[in-house]
Amino acid sequence: MKIAIAGAGAIGAYLGAKLVQAGFDVYFIARGPHLEP
């Protein structure tokens, strides 16, 4: 399942990491250069 998370702050990153560990495809929507590929 693909999941998009709006916000790459502390909570969004934490939830995204947990979802990736559970086997989901996670995409982040963030403003500015918060995430490096």
C-alpha atoms as a PDB file:
ATOM      1  CA  MET A   1       0.000   0.000   0.000  1.00  0.00           C
ATOM      2  CA  LYS A   2       1.245   3.504  -0.811  1.00  0.00           C
ATOM      3  CA  ILE A   3       0.914   6.154   1.899  1.00  0.00           C
ATOM      4  CA  ALA A   4       1.663   9.879   1.647  1.00  0.00           C
ATOM      5  CA  ILE A   5       2.526  11.846   4.771  1.00  0.00           C
ATOM      6  CA  ALA A   6       2.142  15.624   4.697  1.00  0.00           C
ATOM      7  CA  GLY A   7       4.880  16.989   6.913  1.00  0.00           C
ATOM      8  CA  ALA A   8       8.352  15.672   7.572  1.00  0.00           C
ATOM      9  CA  GLY A   9       8.770  16.969  11.102  1.00  0.00           C
ATOM     10  CA  ALA A  10       9.334  14.835  14.163  1.00  0.00           C
ATOM     11  CA  ILE A  11       5.912  13.177  14.193  1.00  0.00           C
ATOM     12  CA  GLY A  12       5.654  12.683  10.423  1.00  0.00           C
ATOM     13  CA  ALA A  13       9.136  11.184  10.244  1.00  0.00           C
ATOM     14  CA  TYR A  14       8.432   8.897  13.199  1.00  0.00           C
ATOM     15  CA  LEU A  15       5.163   7.643  11.723  1.00  0.00           C
ATOM     16  CA  GLY A  16       6.772   7.248   8.304  1.00  0.00           C
ATOM     17  CA  ALA A  17       9.594   5.160   9.746  1.00  0.00           C
ATOM     18  CA  LYS A  18       7.137   2.902  11.566  1.00  0.00           C
ATOM     19  CA  LEU A  19       5.074   2.450   8.396  1.00  0.00           C
ATOM     20  CA  VAL A  20       8.185   1.595   6.354  1.00  0.00           C
ATOM     21  CA  GLN A  21       9.168  -0.981   8.984  1.00  0.00           C
ATOM     22  CA  ALA A  22       5.675  -2.461   8.626  1.00  0.00           C
ATOM     23  CA  GLY A  23       6.202  -2.856   4.867  1.00  0.00           C
ATOM     24  CA  PHE A  24       4.320   0.147   3.446  1.00  0.00           C
ATOM     25  CA  ASP A  25       5.550   2.400   0.622  1.00  0.00           C
ATOM     26  CA  VAL A  26       5.760   5.835   2.245  1.00  0.00           C
ATOM     27  CA  TYR A  27       6.059   9.176   0.451  1.00  0.00           C
ATOM     28  CA  PHE A  28       6.641  12.483   2.229  1.00  0.00           C
ATOM     29  CA  ILE A  29       5.248  15.858   1.201  1.00  0.00           C
ATOM     30  CA  ALA A  30       7.425  18.548   2.759  1.00  0.00           C
ATOM     31  CA  ARG A  31       8.172  22.184   2.116  1.00  0.00           C
ATOM     32  CA  GLY A  32      11.767  23.248   1.818  1.00  0.00           C
ATOM     33  CA  PRO A  33      14.877  21.058   1.821  1.00  0.00           C
ATOM     34  CA  HIS A  34      13.964  18.920   4.842  1.00  0.00           C
ATOM     35  CA  LEU A  35      14.499  15.555   3.192  1.00  0.00           C
ATOM     36  CA  GLU A  36      17.539  14.429   1.260  1.00  0.00           C
ATOM     37  CA  PRO A  37      17.016  11.505  -1.175  1.00  0.00           C
END
